[in-house]
N, C-alpha and C. Protein backbone atom coordinates (compact mmCIF):
# COMPACT_ATOMS: atom_id res chain seq x y z
N MET A 1 -5.26 -5.25 24.08
CA MET A 1 -4.97 -6.49 24.79
C MET A 1 -4.89 -7.63 23.79
N ALA A 2 -3.91 -8.48 23.92
CA ALA A 2 -3.73 -9.61 23.00
C ALA A 2 -4.77 -10.68 23.29
N ILE A 3 -5.17 -11.37 22.23
CA ILE A 3 -6.12 -12.46 22.37
C ILE A 3 -5.34 -13.76 22.32
N GLN A 4 -5.58 -14.64 23.28
CA GLN A 4 -4.88 -15.91 23.32
C GLN A 4 -5.79 -16.98 22.74
N THR A 5 -5.27 -17.74 21.80
CA THR A 5 -6.06 -18.82 21.19
C THR A 5 -5.20 -20.07 21.16
N ALA A 6 -5.87 -21.20 21.06
CA ALA A 6 -5.16 -22.47 20.93
C ALA A 6 -5.47 -23.05 19.57
N THR A 7 -4.58 -23.92 19.09
CA THR A 7 -4.81 -24.57 17.81
C THR A 7 -6.07 -25.42 17.90
N ALA A 8 -7.02 -25.18 17.00
CA ALA A 8 -8.31 -25.88 17.05
C ALA A 8 -8.14 -27.36 16.73
N GLY A 9 -8.99 -28.17 17.34
CA GLY A 9 -9.04 -29.59 17.04
C GLY A 9 -7.88 -30.39 17.59
N SER A 10 -7.12 -29.83 18.51
CA SER A 10 -5.97 -30.54 19.04
C SER A 10 -6.20 -30.85 20.52
N ALA A 11 -5.94 -32.08 20.89
CA ALA A 11 -6.07 -32.47 22.30
C ALA A 11 -5.03 -31.73 23.13
N ASN A 12 -3.86 -31.56 22.54
CA ASN A 12 -2.81 -30.80 23.19
C ASN A 12 -2.63 -29.51 22.41
N PRO A 13 -3.22 -28.42 22.90
CA PRO A 13 -3.22 -27.20 22.11
C PRO A 13 -1.85 -26.59 21.89
N GLY A 14 -0.83 -27.04 22.61
CA GLY A 14 0.51 -26.50 22.41
C GLY A 14 0.63 -25.12 23.01
N PRO A 15 1.69 -24.41 22.64
CA PRO A 15 1.90 -23.09 23.22
C PRO A 15 0.79 -22.13 22.80
N PRO A 16 0.46 -21.17 23.64
CA PRO A 16 -0.59 -20.22 23.26
C PRO A 16 -0.15 -19.35 22.10
N ARG A 17 -1.11 -18.93 21.30
CA ARG A 17 -0.85 -18.03 20.19
C ARG A 17 -1.47 -16.69 20.54
N TYR A 18 -0.75 -15.61 20.26
CA TYR A 18 -1.22 -14.29 20.64
C TYR A 18 -1.51 -13.46 19.39
N ARG A 19 -2.66 -12.83 19.40
CA ARG A 19 -3.06 -11.92 18.34
C ARG A 19 -3.70 -10.72 19.00
N ARG A 20 -3.48 -9.57 18.41
CA ARG A 20 -4.12 -8.36 18.91
C ARG A 20 -5.64 -8.50 18.78
N SER A 21 -6.09 -9.03 17.65
CA SER A 21 -7.50 -9.32 17.41
C SER A 21 -7.58 -10.11 16.11
N ASP A 22 -8.80 -10.42 15.67
CA ASP A 22 -9.00 -11.12 14.40
C ASP A 22 -8.97 -10.16 13.21
N TYR A 23 -8.80 -8.86 13.46
CA TYR A 23 -8.90 -7.86 12.42
C TYR A 23 -7.54 -7.23 12.11
N ASP A 24 -7.48 -6.57 10.94
CA ASP A 24 -6.27 -5.85 10.59
C ASP A 24 -6.13 -4.65 11.52
N VAL A 25 -5.04 -3.90 11.38
CA VAL A 25 -4.77 -2.81 12.33
C VAL A 25 -5.78 -1.67 12.22
N THR A 26 -6.56 -1.62 11.14
CA THR A 26 -7.59 -0.59 11.04
C THR A 26 -8.92 -1.07 11.65
N ASN A 27 -8.96 -2.34 12.09
CA ASN A 27 -10.17 -2.94 12.65
C ASN A 27 -11.34 -2.93 11.67
N THR A 28 -11.05 -3.05 10.38
CA THR A 28 -12.13 -3.07 9.39
C THR A 28 -12.21 -4.37 8.60
N VAL A 29 -11.12 -5.11 8.50
CA VAL A 29 -11.12 -6.35 7.73
C VAL A 29 -10.75 -7.50 8.64
N GLN A 30 -11.58 -8.54 8.64
CA GLN A 30 -11.31 -9.71 9.48
C GLN A 30 -10.28 -10.59 8.77
N VAL A 31 -9.00 -10.34 9.07
CA VAL A 31 -7.93 -11.06 8.38
C VAL A 31 -7.72 -12.47 8.90
N SER A 32 -8.52 -12.90 9.88
CA SER A 32 -8.47 -14.30 10.27
C SER A 32 -9.38 -15.14 9.38
N SER A 33 -10.10 -14.49 8.45
CA SER A 33 -11.03 -15.17 7.54
C SER A 33 -10.59 -14.95 6.10
N VAL A 34 -10.37 -16.07 5.38
CA VAL A 34 -10.00 -15.97 3.97
C VAL A 34 -11.12 -15.30 3.18
N SER A 35 -12.37 -15.68 3.42
CA SER A 35 -13.48 -15.12 2.64
C SER A 35 -13.68 -13.63 2.91
N ALA A 36 -13.50 -13.19 4.16
CA ALA A 36 -13.66 -11.78 4.48
C ALA A 36 -12.55 -10.94 3.83
N THR A 37 -11.31 -11.46 3.86
CA THR A 37 -10.20 -10.74 3.25
C THR A 37 -10.36 -10.72 1.74
N ARG A 38 -10.79 -11.86 1.17
CA ARG A 38 -11.03 -11.94 -0.27
C ARG A 38 -12.06 -10.91 -0.69
N LYS A 39 -13.14 -10.78 0.07
CA LYS A 39 -14.21 -9.82 -0.24
C LYS A 39 -13.68 -8.39 -0.18
N ALA A 40 -12.86 -8.08 0.82
CA ALA A 40 -12.29 -6.73 0.94
C ALA A 40 -11.39 -6.41 -0.25
N VAL A 41 -10.57 -7.39 -0.64
CA VAL A 41 -9.68 -7.19 -1.79
C VAL A 41 -10.50 -7.05 -3.07
N GLU A 42 -11.54 -7.88 -3.21
CA GLU A 42 -12.40 -7.79 -4.39
C GLU A 42 -13.03 -6.41 -4.50
N ASN A 43 -13.52 -5.87 -3.39
CA ASN A 43 -14.13 -4.54 -3.42
C ASN A 43 -13.13 -3.48 -3.87
N LEU A 44 -11.89 -3.56 -3.37
CA LEU A 44 -10.86 -2.61 -3.78
C LEU A 44 -10.52 -2.79 -5.26
N TYR A 45 -10.39 -4.03 -5.68
CA TYR A 45 -10.00 -4.35 -7.06
C TYR A 45 -11.06 -3.90 -8.05
N VAL A 46 -12.31 -4.24 -7.79
CA VAL A 46 -13.40 -3.90 -8.70
C VAL A 46 -13.57 -2.37 -8.77
N ASN A 47 -13.37 -1.70 -7.64
CA ASN A 47 -13.47 -0.25 -7.64
C ASN A 47 -12.38 0.38 -8.51
N GLN A 48 -11.19 -0.21 -8.49
CA GLN A 48 -10.07 0.34 -9.26
C GLN A 48 -10.11 -0.10 -10.72
N TRP A 49 -10.45 -1.36 -10.98
CA TRP A 49 -10.47 -1.91 -12.34
C TRP A 49 -11.79 -2.63 -12.60
N PRO A 50 -12.88 -1.88 -12.83
CA PRO A 50 -14.20 -2.49 -12.93
C PRO A 50 -14.36 -3.46 -14.10
N GLU A 51 -13.58 -3.30 -15.15
CA GLU A 51 -13.72 -4.16 -16.33
C GLU A 51 -12.84 -5.41 -16.26
N ALA A 52 -11.89 -5.44 -15.34
CA ALA A 52 -10.94 -6.55 -15.27
C ALA A 52 -11.54 -7.77 -14.58
N SER A 53 -11.00 -8.92 -14.90
CA SER A 53 -11.45 -10.16 -14.29
C SER A 53 -10.82 -10.34 -12.91
N PHE A 54 -11.63 -10.74 -11.95
CA PHE A 54 -11.12 -11.02 -10.61
C PHE A 54 -10.67 -12.47 -10.48
N GLN A 55 -10.88 -13.27 -11.52
CA GLN A 55 -10.63 -14.71 -11.47
C GLN A 55 -9.21 -15.08 -11.02
N PRO A 56 -8.15 -14.43 -11.54
CA PRO A 56 -6.80 -14.81 -11.08
C PRO A 56 -6.60 -14.57 -9.58
N ILE A 57 -7.16 -13.49 -9.07
CA ILE A 57 -7.02 -13.19 -7.64
C ILE A 57 -7.87 -14.16 -6.83
N ASP A 58 -9.05 -14.47 -7.33
CA ASP A 58 -9.91 -15.45 -6.69
C ASP A 58 -9.19 -16.80 -6.59
N ALA A 59 -8.48 -17.18 -7.66
CA ALA A 59 -7.73 -18.43 -7.66
C ALA A 59 -6.60 -18.39 -6.63
N ALA A 60 -5.97 -17.22 -6.44
CA ALA A 60 -4.91 -17.09 -5.45
C ALA A 60 -5.46 -17.30 -4.04
N PHE A 61 -6.64 -16.75 -3.77
CA PHE A 61 -7.24 -16.94 -2.44
C PHE A 61 -7.63 -18.40 -2.22
N GLU A 62 -8.11 -19.05 -3.29
CA GLU A 62 -8.43 -20.47 -3.18
C GLU A 62 -7.17 -21.28 -2.89
N PHE A 63 -6.06 -20.90 -3.53
CA PHE A 63 -4.78 -21.57 -3.29
C PHE A 63 -4.34 -21.39 -1.83
N ILE A 64 -4.49 -20.18 -1.29
CA ILE A 64 -4.14 -19.93 0.12
C ILE A 64 -4.94 -20.86 1.02
N GLU A 65 -6.23 -20.97 0.76
CA GLU A 65 -7.10 -21.84 1.56
C GLU A 65 -6.63 -23.29 1.49
N GLN A 66 -6.34 -23.76 0.27
CA GLN A 66 -5.89 -25.14 0.08
C GLN A 66 -4.52 -25.38 0.72
N LEU A 67 -3.62 -24.40 0.59
CA LEU A 67 -2.28 -24.55 1.13
C LEU A 67 -2.32 -24.71 2.65
N PHE A 68 -3.06 -23.85 3.33
CA PHE A 68 -3.11 -23.92 4.79
C PHE A 68 -3.88 -25.15 5.28
N ALA A 69 -4.76 -25.68 4.44
CA ALA A 69 -5.50 -26.88 4.80
C ALA A 69 -4.71 -28.15 4.50
N GLY A 70 -3.56 -28.02 3.84
CA GLY A 70 -2.76 -29.20 3.50
C GLY A 70 -3.31 -29.96 2.31
N GLU A 71 -4.04 -29.28 1.43
CA GLU A 71 -4.66 -29.93 0.28
C GLU A 71 -3.82 -29.82 -1.00
N ILE A 72 -2.65 -29.21 -0.92
CA ILE A 72 -1.78 -29.10 -2.09
C ILE A 72 -0.82 -30.29 -2.04
N PRO A 73 -0.78 -31.13 -3.09
CA PRO A 73 0.10 -32.30 -3.08
C PRO A 73 1.55 -31.92 -2.79
N GLY A 74 2.15 -32.66 -1.87
CA GLY A 74 3.54 -32.43 -1.51
C GLY A 74 3.74 -31.43 -0.39
N TYR A 75 2.63 -30.84 0.12
CA TYR A 75 2.73 -29.85 1.20
C TYR A 75 1.84 -30.24 2.36
N LEU A 76 2.34 -30.04 3.55
CA LEU A 76 1.54 -30.27 4.75
C LEU A 76 0.81 -28.99 5.10
N GLY A 77 -0.26 -29.12 5.84
CA GLY A 77 -0.97 -27.93 6.31
C GLY A 77 -0.08 -27.09 7.21
N ILE A 78 -0.31 -25.81 7.23
CA ILE A 78 0.53 -24.90 8.00
C ILE A 78 -0.32 -24.26 9.10
N ASP A 79 0.17 -24.29 10.33
CA ASP A 79 -0.53 -23.60 11.40
C ASP A 79 0.46 -23.30 12.52
N THR A 80 1.34 -22.36 12.24
CA THR A 80 2.31 -21.95 13.25
C THR A 80 1.94 -20.56 13.73
N VAL A 81 2.57 -20.14 14.80
CA VAL A 81 2.21 -18.84 15.37
C VAL A 81 2.43 -17.70 14.39
N TYR A 82 3.52 -17.75 13.64
CA TYR A 82 3.82 -16.63 12.75
C TYR A 82 3.30 -16.86 11.34
N HIS A 83 3.53 -18.03 10.77
CA HIS A 83 3.11 -18.30 9.40
C HIS A 83 1.75 -18.98 9.39
N ASP A 84 0.74 -18.25 9.81
CA ASP A 84 -0.61 -18.79 9.80
C ASP A 84 -1.47 -18.00 8.82
N ARG A 85 -2.73 -18.40 8.68
CA ARG A 85 -3.64 -17.73 7.74
C ARG A 85 -3.74 -16.24 8.01
N GLN A 86 -3.91 -15.89 9.29
CA GLN A 86 -4.14 -14.49 9.62
C GLN A 86 -2.96 -13.61 9.21
N HIS A 87 -1.76 -14.05 9.52
CA HIS A 87 -0.58 -13.27 9.16
C HIS A 87 -0.45 -13.17 7.64
N THR A 88 -0.69 -14.27 6.95
CA THR A 88 -0.60 -14.28 5.49
C THR A 88 -1.64 -13.35 4.87
N LEU A 89 -2.88 -13.42 5.36
CA LEU A 89 -3.94 -12.58 4.81
C LEU A 89 -3.70 -11.10 5.13
N ASP A 90 -3.16 -10.83 6.30
CA ASP A 90 -2.82 -9.45 6.65
C ASP A 90 -1.78 -8.90 5.67
N ASN A 91 -0.79 -9.75 5.32
CA ASN A 91 0.23 -9.33 4.35
C ASN A 91 -0.35 -9.17 2.95
N VAL A 92 -1.29 -10.05 2.56
CA VAL A 92 -1.94 -9.92 1.26
C VAL A 92 -2.66 -8.58 1.20
N LEU A 93 -3.41 -8.26 2.24
CA LEU A 93 -4.14 -7.00 2.28
C LEU A 93 -3.18 -5.81 2.20
N ALA A 94 -2.08 -5.88 2.92
CA ALA A 94 -1.09 -4.79 2.90
C ALA A 94 -0.48 -4.63 1.51
N GLU A 95 -0.26 -5.73 0.79
CA GLU A 95 0.29 -5.65 -0.56
C GLU A 95 -0.68 -4.99 -1.51
N ILE A 96 -1.99 -5.21 -1.30
CA ILE A 96 -3.00 -4.63 -2.18
C ILE A 96 -3.18 -3.14 -1.91
N VAL A 97 -3.32 -2.77 -0.66
CA VAL A 97 -3.63 -1.37 -0.32
C VAL A 97 -2.41 -0.59 0.13
N GLY A 98 -1.27 -1.24 0.24
CA GLY A 98 -0.08 -0.57 0.77
C GLY A 98 0.05 -0.87 2.25
N ASP A 99 1.22 -0.68 2.76
CA ASP A 99 1.44 -0.97 4.17
C ASP A 99 0.51 -0.13 5.04
N ILE A 100 -0.10 -0.78 6.02
CA ILE A 100 -1.01 -0.12 6.93
C ILE A 100 -0.24 0.19 8.21
N GLN A 101 -0.30 1.43 8.65
CA GLN A 101 0.42 1.82 9.85
C GLN A 101 -0.24 1.20 11.07
N ASP A 102 0.54 0.68 11.97
CA ASP A 102 0.00 0.22 13.25
C ASP A 102 0.83 0.83 14.37
N GLU A 103 0.59 0.40 15.60
CA GLU A 103 1.25 1.03 16.73
C GLU A 103 2.76 0.82 16.74
N PHE A 104 3.26 -0.12 15.93
CA PHE A 104 4.69 -0.39 15.90
C PHE A 104 5.39 0.31 14.73
N ASP A 105 4.60 0.90 13.82
CA ASP A 105 5.17 1.57 12.66
C ASP A 105 5.37 3.05 12.94
N THR A 106 6.34 3.64 12.28
CA THR A 106 6.50 5.08 12.38
C THR A 106 6.07 5.69 11.07
N GLU A 107 5.38 6.81 11.14
CA GLU A 107 4.90 7.52 9.96
C GLU A 107 6.11 8.03 9.18
N LEU A 108 6.08 7.89 7.86
CA LEU A 108 7.14 8.44 7.04
C LEU A 108 6.79 9.90 6.78
N PRO A 109 7.48 10.85 7.39
CA PRO A 109 7.06 12.24 7.30
C PRO A 109 7.21 12.84 5.91
N GLU A 110 8.06 12.27 5.07
CA GLU A 110 8.31 12.84 3.75
C GLU A 110 7.23 12.49 2.72
N PHE A 111 6.34 11.58 3.06
CA PHE A 111 5.33 11.13 2.10
C PHE A 111 4.00 10.94 2.80
N LYS A 112 2.96 11.61 2.32
CA LYS A 112 1.62 11.47 2.91
C LYS A 112 0.61 11.26 1.80
N ARG A 113 -0.05 10.11 1.80
CA ARG A 113 -1.09 9.85 0.81
C ARG A 113 -2.36 10.58 1.21
N VAL A 114 -2.93 11.37 0.29
CA VAL A 114 -4.17 12.11 0.54
C VAL A 114 -5.36 11.24 0.18
N ASN A 115 -5.32 10.64 -1.00
CA ASN A 115 -6.35 9.70 -1.46
C ASN A 115 -5.73 8.87 -2.58
N ALA A 116 -6.56 8.12 -3.30
CA ALA A 116 -6.02 7.21 -4.33
C ALA A 116 -5.30 7.95 -5.44
N ASN A 117 -5.64 9.22 -5.66
CA ASN A 117 -5.06 9.97 -6.77
C ASN A 117 -4.13 11.11 -6.36
N GLU A 118 -3.94 11.31 -5.07
CA GLU A 118 -3.11 12.43 -4.61
C GLU A 118 -2.21 12.03 -3.46
N PHE A 119 -1.01 12.63 -3.43
CA PHE A 119 -0.13 12.46 -2.29
C PHE A 119 0.76 13.69 -2.16
N MET A 120 1.20 13.94 -0.92
CA MET A 120 2.08 15.06 -0.61
C MET A 120 3.49 14.50 -0.40
N VAL A 121 4.48 15.25 -0.89
CA VAL A 121 5.86 14.81 -0.78
C VAL A 121 6.72 15.96 -0.28
N ASP A 122 7.58 15.67 0.68
CA ASP A 122 8.56 16.63 1.16
C ASP A 122 9.58 16.86 0.05
N GLY A 123 9.99 18.10 -0.14
CA GLY A 123 10.95 18.42 -1.19
C GLY A 123 12.28 17.72 -1.03
N SER A 124 12.61 17.32 0.20
CA SER A 124 13.91 16.66 0.45
C SER A 124 13.88 15.17 0.18
N LEU A 125 12.71 14.61 -0.18
CA LEU A 125 12.62 13.18 -0.45
C LEU A 125 13.47 12.82 -1.65
N ALA A 126 14.28 11.78 -1.53
CA ALA A 126 15.14 11.33 -2.63
C ALA A 126 14.28 10.77 -3.77
N LEU A 127 14.70 11.03 -5.00
CA LEU A 127 13.94 10.56 -6.16
C LEU A 127 13.77 9.05 -6.14
N TYR A 128 14.81 8.31 -5.76
CA TYR A 128 14.70 6.85 -5.78
C TYR A 128 13.65 6.34 -4.80
N GLU A 129 13.40 7.10 -3.71
CA GLU A 129 12.39 6.66 -2.74
C GLU A 129 10.99 6.80 -3.29
N LEU A 130 10.79 7.72 -4.23
CA LEU A 130 9.46 7.92 -4.81
C LEU A 130 9.01 6.70 -5.61
N LYS A 131 9.96 5.94 -6.12
CA LYS A 131 9.59 4.73 -6.87
C LYS A 131 8.93 3.72 -5.94
N ASP A 132 9.50 3.50 -4.76
CA ASP A 132 8.92 2.55 -3.80
C ASP A 132 7.61 3.07 -3.23
N LEU A 133 7.53 4.36 -2.98
CA LEU A 133 6.35 4.93 -2.31
C LEU A 133 5.17 5.14 -3.25
N ALA A 134 5.45 5.52 -4.50
CA ALA A 134 4.36 5.87 -5.41
C ALA A 134 4.47 5.25 -6.79
N GLY A 135 5.50 4.43 -7.03
CA GLY A 135 5.64 3.79 -8.33
C GLY A 135 6.15 4.73 -9.41
N LEU A 136 6.64 5.91 -9.03
CA LEU A 136 7.17 6.87 -10.00
C LEU A 136 8.68 6.70 -10.11
N ASP A 137 9.15 6.43 -11.31
CA ASP A 137 10.57 6.22 -11.52
C ASP A 137 11.16 7.47 -12.17
N LEU A 138 11.58 8.41 -11.33
CA LEU A 138 12.15 9.67 -11.83
C LEU A 138 13.66 9.62 -11.72
N GLU A 139 14.33 9.98 -12.81
CA GLU A 139 15.79 9.97 -12.81
C GLU A 139 16.31 11.30 -13.33
N SER A 140 17.41 11.73 -12.75
CA SER A 140 18.04 12.97 -13.19
C SER A 140 19.52 12.91 -12.85
N GLU A 141 20.35 13.42 -13.78
CA GLU A 141 21.78 13.50 -13.50
C GLU A 141 22.11 14.78 -12.76
N GLU A 142 21.17 15.76 -12.79
CA GLU A 142 21.42 17.06 -12.19
C GLU A 142 20.99 17.16 -10.73
N VAL A 143 19.91 16.47 -10.36
CA VAL A 143 19.35 16.61 -9.01
C VAL A 143 19.04 15.25 -8.41
N SER A 144 18.89 15.20 -7.08
CA SER A 144 18.63 13.91 -6.42
C SER A 144 17.36 13.93 -5.57
N THR A 145 16.71 15.09 -5.41
CA THR A 145 15.52 15.18 -4.57
C THR A 145 14.30 15.58 -5.40
N VAL A 146 13.13 15.36 -4.83
CA VAL A 146 11.88 15.73 -5.50
C VAL A 146 11.82 17.24 -5.69
N GLY A 147 12.17 18.00 -4.64
CA GLY A 147 12.17 19.46 -4.76
C GLY A 147 13.11 19.95 -5.85
N GLY A 148 14.28 19.34 -5.92
CA GLY A 148 15.24 19.70 -6.96
C GLY A 148 14.72 19.35 -8.34
N PHE A 149 14.05 18.21 -8.45
CA PHE A 149 13.49 17.77 -9.73
C PHE A 149 12.42 18.75 -10.22
N VAL A 150 11.54 19.16 -9.30
CA VAL A 150 10.48 20.11 -9.64
C VAL A 150 11.09 21.45 -10.05
N THR A 151 12.10 21.91 -9.33
CA THR A 151 12.77 23.16 -9.66
C THR A 151 13.43 23.07 -11.03
N HIS A 152 14.07 21.94 -11.31
CA HIS A 152 14.72 21.73 -12.61
C HIS A 152 13.69 21.77 -13.74
N LEU A 153 12.53 21.11 -13.54
CA LEU A 153 11.48 21.12 -14.56
C LEU A 153 10.92 22.52 -14.78
N ALA A 154 10.76 23.27 -13.68
CA ALA A 154 10.19 24.62 -13.77
C ALA A 154 11.15 25.59 -14.48
N GLY A 155 12.43 25.31 -14.40
CA GLY A 155 13.41 26.19 -15.03
C GLY A 155 13.84 27.35 -14.15
N ASN A 156 13.22 27.46 -12.99
CA ASN A 156 13.59 28.48 -12.00
C ASN A 156 13.03 28.04 -10.66
N LEU A 157 13.31 28.81 -9.62
CA LEU A 157 12.79 28.44 -8.30
C LEU A 157 11.30 28.71 -8.25
N PRO A 158 10.46 27.69 -8.19
CA PRO A 158 9.02 27.92 -8.20
C PRO A 158 8.52 28.48 -6.87
N ALA A 159 7.44 29.24 -6.97
CA ALA A 159 6.78 29.78 -5.78
C ALA A 159 5.61 28.88 -5.42
N VAL A 160 5.07 29.09 -4.24
CA VAL A 160 3.89 28.34 -3.81
C VAL A 160 2.78 28.55 -4.84
N GLY A 161 2.16 27.45 -5.27
CA GLY A 161 1.09 27.51 -6.27
C GLY A 161 1.55 27.21 -7.67
N ASP A 162 2.85 27.32 -7.94
CA ASP A 162 3.37 27.00 -9.27
C ASP A 162 3.22 25.50 -9.53
N GLN A 163 3.05 25.16 -10.81
CA GLN A 163 2.81 23.76 -11.18
C GLN A 163 3.75 23.32 -12.29
N VAL A 164 4.07 22.02 -12.27
CA VAL A 164 4.76 21.36 -13.37
C VAL A 164 4.03 20.05 -13.65
N GLN A 165 4.27 19.50 -14.81
CA GLN A 165 3.64 18.23 -15.19
C GLN A 165 4.67 17.11 -15.12
N ILE A 166 4.34 16.06 -14.38
CA ILE A 166 5.11 14.82 -14.37
C ILE A 166 4.09 13.72 -14.63
N PRO A 167 3.82 13.46 -15.93
CA PRO A 167 2.75 12.53 -16.27
C PRO A 167 2.83 11.21 -15.50
N PRO A 168 1.69 10.74 -15.00
CA PRO A 168 0.34 11.28 -15.18
C PRO A 168 -0.08 12.26 -14.10
N PHE A 169 0.89 12.94 -13.48
CA PHE A 169 0.58 13.81 -12.36
C PHE A 169 0.79 15.28 -12.69
N GLU A 170 -0.05 16.09 -12.07
CA GLU A 170 0.16 17.53 -12.01
C GLU A 170 0.76 17.79 -10.64
N VAL A 171 1.89 18.48 -10.60
CA VAL A 171 2.63 18.67 -9.35
C VAL A 171 2.56 20.15 -8.98
N THR A 172 2.03 20.43 -7.78
CA THR A 172 1.87 21.80 -7.30
C THR A 172 2.77 22.04 -6.10
N VAL A 173 3.50 23.14 -6.14
CA VAL A 173 4.32 23.52 -5.00
C VAL A 173 3.40 24.03 -3.89
N THR A 174 3.46 23.41 -2.72
CA THR A 174 2.61 23.82 -1.60
C THR A 174 3.37 24.55 -0.51
N LYS A 175 4.71 24.36 -0.47
CA LYS A 175 5.55 25.08 0.48
C LYS A 175 6.90 25.37 -0.17
N ALA A 176 7.37 26.58 0.02
CA ALA A 176 8.70 26.96 -0.47
C ALA A 176 9.21 28.07 0.45
N ASP A 177 10.54 28.22 0.53
CA ASP A 177 11.07 29.23 1.44
C ASP A 177 11.91 30.29 0.73
N GLY A 178 11.79 30.37 -0.59
CA GLY A 178 12.57 31.35 -1.33
C GLY A 178 13.92 30.84 -1.77
N ARG A 179 14.35 29.71 -1.19
CA ARG A 179 15.64 29.10 -1.56
C ARG A 179 15.46 27.71 -2.12
N ARG A 180 14.35 27.06 -1.73
CA ARG A 180 14.12 25.69 -2.20
C ARG A 180 12.64 25.33 -2.07
N VAL A 181 12.25 24.27 -2.76
CA VAL A 181 10.89 23.73 -2.67
C VAL A 181 10.84 22.81 -1.44
N LEU A 182 9.91 23.10 -0.54
CA LEU A 182 9.82 22.33 0.70
C LEU A 182 8.80 21.21 0.63
N GLU A 183 7.73 21.39 -0.15
CA GLU A 183 6.68 20.37 -0.23
C GLU A 183 5.91 20.54 -1.53
N VAL A 184 5.50 19.41 -2.10
CA VAL A 184 4.69 19.43 -3.32
C VAL A 184 3.53 18.45 -3.20
N ARG A 185 2.48 18.74 -3.97
CA ARG A 185 1.33 17.83 -4.04
C ARG A 185 1.29 17.22 -5.43
N PHE A 186 1.26 15.89 -5.48
CA PHE A 186 1.08 15.16 -6.73
C PHE A 186 -0.40 14.83 -6.88
N ARG A 187 -1.00 15.22 -8.00
CA ARG A 187 -2.41 14.90 -8.26
C ARG A 187 -2.51 14.28 -9.65
N ARG A 188 -3.05 13.04 -9.68
CA ARG A 188 -3.21 12.35 -10.97
C ARG A 188 -4.23 13.13 -11.80
N VAL A 189 -3.86 13.46 -13.02
CA VAL A 189 -4.76 14.19 -13.90
C VAL A 189 -5.38 13.24 -14.91
N MET A 190 -6.64 13.48 -15.19
CA MET A 190 -7.36 12.65 -16.13
C MET A 190 -7.19 13.23 -17.53
N THR A 191 -6.70 12.43 -18.44
CA THR A 191 -6.59 12.86 -19.84
C THR A 191 -7.79 12.33 -20.60
N GLU A 192 -7.99 12.87 -21.79
CA GLU A 192 -9.13 12.42 -22.60
C GLU A 192 -9.03 10.93 -22.85
N GLY A 193 -10.13 10.25 -22.59
CA GLY A 193 -10.17 8.80 -22.78
C GLY A 193 -9.76 8.02 -21.57
N SER A 194 -9.33 8.71 -20.49
CA SER A 194 -8.98 8.00 -19.27
C SER A 194 -10.05 8.25 -18.23
N SER A 195 -9.97 7.49 -17.14
CA SER A 195 -10.92 7.69 -16.05
C SER A 195 -10.15 7.62 -14.75
N ASP A 196 -10.80 7.96 -13.64
CA ASP A 196 -10.10 7.92 -12.36
C ASP A 196 -9.84 6.50 -11.92
N LYS A 197 -10.27 5.51 -12.70
CA LYS A 197 -9.99 4.12 -12.39
C LYS A 197 -8.66 3.67 -12.99
N ASP A 198 -8.07 4.50 -13.92
CA ASP A 198 -6.81 4.12 -14.57
C ASP A 198 -5.68 4.10 -13.58
């Protein structure tokens, strides 16, 4: 059920604003709060890069707060139904952790993230799509799909369980039908001197 709110501090609240809730679609982060979203992003960031400085990201959240409050010279405060703090913070969170599926999104069947270091890919997924989905820029003049790329690297038609290396990933064939690779698992491998935070 949508929550109806009015613009705070206004004698004439204007048209009602509708939100599903104050939280993101996973109901875990209060995206109507800059500090709550900042804390969630900080936890993700520190977990991934424990030695890095959070200061630039902290400054970005401070800028968001100032921008919406109208404290940036030359800009008025913003409080519209669509371009409000909650929508902006929800987008910030999605940019950090990746798009979050909600009731209006459709699952992409060719790509399934298992965890931070692993994902499953349908063999028919186009190589160019892997760049957007996983940041892997694979190019080949001979093949156009992930399954074809794995087969090309293997030098023959791989069977289930066969592996190839696509640094920094170890790629395992999880489904094949004797004619083509149907599905593969990408798993980030740790090399000497690296950690799972890399």
